Amino acid sequence: MARFQAQAPTGQLVQELEGLVRTAIFQPANALVGPLLPAAADQPQPGQGCKERVRVQIQGLFGHFELPGDYC
């Protein structure tokens, strides 16, 4: 932060700062949202036969997530 305050705000510095701010914000959001997604995924109905358990990779606003699910 001191590096950015010590210089005049140029386009390059603003771009670098934006990248750092995005990283700082999205990291905690990813850790918060990631564990909530599996609970929100569709679950098999009682008595429904499932073939196998699969893990699906998804890309969301806050990063990559892995969702476990049943292939029914």
C-alpha atoms as a PDB file:
ATOM      1  CA  MET A   1       0.000   0.000   0.000  1.00  0.00           C
ATOM      2  CA  ALA A   2       2.846   2.361   0.797  1.00  0.00           C
ATOM      3  CA  ARG A   3       4.167   1.898  -2.743  1.00  0.00           C
ATOM      4  CA  PHE A   4       0.868   3.121  -4.204  1.00  0.00           C
ATOM      5  CA  GLN A   5       0.643   6.087  -1.840  1.00  0.00           C
ATOM      6  CA  ALA A   6       4.200   7.180  -2.606  1.00  0.00           C
ATOM      7  CA  GLN A   7       3.558   7.582  -6.353  1.00  0.00           C
ATOM      8  CA  ALA A   8       1.198   9.532  -8.548  1.00  0.00           C
ATOM      9  CA  PRO A   9      -1.779   7.379  -9.624  1.00  0.00           C
ATOM     10  CA  THR A  10      -0.991   6.212 -13.145  1.00  0.00           C
ATOM     11  CA  GLY A  11      -3.047   3.789 -15.209  1.00  0.00           C
ATOM     12  CA  GLN A  12      -0.599   0.958 -14.553  1.00  0.00           C
ATOM     13  CA  LEU A  13      -0.593   1.489 -10.773  1.00  0.00           C
ATOM     14  CA  VAL A  14      -4.373   1.669 -10.640  1.00  0.00           C
ATOM     15  CA  GLN A  15      -4.617  -1.625 -12.551  1.00  0.00           C
ATOM     16  CA  GLU A  16      -2.180  -3.291 -10.165  1.00  0.00           C
ATOM     17  CA  LEU A  17      -4.062  -1.973  -7.149  1.00  0.00           C
ATOM     18  CA  GLU A  18      -7.387  -3.164  -8.560  1.00  0.00           C
ATOM     19  CA  GLY A  19      -5.983  -6.673  -8.957  1.00  0.00           C
ATOM     20  CA  LEU A  20      -4.760  -6.708  -5.375  1.00  0.00           C
ATOM     21  CA  VAL A  21      -8.083  -5.432  -4.040  1.00  0.00           C
ATOM     22  CA  ARG A  22     -10.021  -8.064  -6.024  1.00  0.00           C
ATOM     23  CA  THR A  23      -7.802 -10.799  -4.627  1.00  0.00           C
ATOM     24  CA  ALA A  24      -8.229  -9.505  -1.080  1.00  0.00           C
ATOM     25  CA  ILE A  25     -12.029  -9.380  -1.402  1.00  0.00           C
ATOM     26  CA  PHE A  26     -12.698 -12.573  -3.357  1.00  0.00           C
ATOM     27  CA  GLN A  27     -10.485 -14.871  -1.259  1.00  0.00           C
ATOM     28  CA  PRO A  28     -12.678 -14.595   1.870  1.00  0.00           C
ATOM     29  CA  ALA A  29     -15.850 -14.694  -0.259  1.00  0.00           C
ATOM     30  CA  ASN A  30     -14.675 -17.928  -1.900  1.00  0.00           C
ATOM     31  CA  ALA A  31     -14.046 -19.494   1.510  1.00  0.00           C
ATOM     32  CA  LEU A  32     -17.519 -18.430   2.653  1.00  0.00           C
ATOM     33  CA  VAL A  33     -19.535 -19.423  -0.428  1.00  0.00           C
ATOM     34  CA  GLY A  34     -17.717 -22.673  -1.270  1.00  0.00           C
ATOM     35  CA  PRO A  35     -18.986 -24.762   1.675  1.00  0.00           C
ATOM     36  CA  LEU A  36     -22.574 -23.541   1.140  1.00  0.00           C
ATOM     37  CA  LEU A  37     -22.865 -24.808  -2.451  1.00  0.00           C
ATOM     38  CA  PRO A  38     -22.922 -28.586  -1.801  1.00  0.00           C
ATOM     39  CA  ALA A  39     -25.821 -28.150   0.615  1.00  0.00           C
ATOM     40  CA  ALA A  40     -27.756 -26.254  -2.063  1.00  0.00           C
ATOM     41  CA  ALA A  41     -27.176 -28.906  -4.760  1.00  0.00           C
ATOM     42  CA  ASP A  42     -30.045 -31.206  -5.715  1.00  0.00           C
ATOM     43  CA  GLN A  43     -30.240 -34.332  -3.583  1.00  0.00           C
ATOM     44  CA  PRO A  44     -31.714 -37.652  -4.763  1.00  0.00           C
ATOM     45  CA  GLN A  45     -35.317 -38.363  -3.808  1.00  0.00           C
ATOM     46  CA  PRO A  46     -36.029 -41.161  -1.301  1.00  0.00           C
ATOM     47  CA  GLY A  47     -36.017 -44.527  -3.071  1.00  0.00           C
ATOM     48  CA  GLN A  48     -34.314 -43.130  -6.163  1.00  0.00           C
ATOM     49  CA  GLY A  49     -31.481 -45.388  -7.311  1.00  0.00           C
ATOM     50  CA  CYS A  50     -28.214 -43.674  -8.112  1.00  0.00           C
ATOM     51  CA  LYS A  51     -25.398 -45.088 -10.208  1.00  0.00           C
ATOM     52  CA  GLU A  52     -22.367 -43.284  -8.872  1.00  0.00           C
ATOM     53  CA  ARG A  53     -21.126 -40.263  -6.972  1.00  0.00           C
ATOM     54  CA  VAL A  54     -19.508 -37.582  -9.153  1.00  0.00           C
ATOM     55  CA  ARG A  55     -17.769 -34.295  -8.480  1.00  0.00           C
ATOM     56  CA  VAL A  56     -18.453 -31.391 -10.807  1.00  0.00           C
ATOM     57  CA  GLN A  57     -16.112 -28.418 -11.163  1.00  0.00           C
ATOM     58  CA  ILE A  58     -17.888 -25.077 -11.543  1.00  0.00           C
ATOM     59  CA  GLN A  59     -16.628 -21.528 -12.019  1.00  0.00           C
ATOM     60  CA  GLY A  60     -18.490 -18.897 -10.029  1.00  0.00           C
ATOM     61  CA  LEU A  61     -18.115 -15.206  -9.395  1.00  0.00           C
ATOM     62  CA  PHE A  62     -15.814 -15.867  -6.439  1.00  0.00           C
ATOM     63  CA  GLY A  63     -13.706 -18.649  -7.951  1.00  0.00           C
ATOM     64  CA  HIS A  64     -13.690 -22.375  -8.695  1.00  0.00           C
ATOM     65  CA  PHE A  65     -15.802 -24.767  -6.671  1.00  0.00           C
ATOM     66  CA  GLU A  66     -16.237 -28.512  -6.589  1.00  0.00           C
ATOM     67  CA  LEU A  67     -19.755 -29.880  -6.118  1.00  0.00           C
ATOM     68  CA  PRO A  68     -20.306 -33.489  -5.139  1.00  0.00           C
ATOM     69  CA  GLY A  69     -23.435 -35.118  -6.490  1.00  0.00           C
ATOM     70  CA  ASP A  70     -25.139 -38.381  -7.295  1.00  0.00           C
ATOM     71  CA  TYR A  71     -25.579 -39.531 -10.885  1.00  0.00           C
ATOM     72  CA  CYS A  72     -29.138 -40.815 -10.934  1.00  0.00           C
END
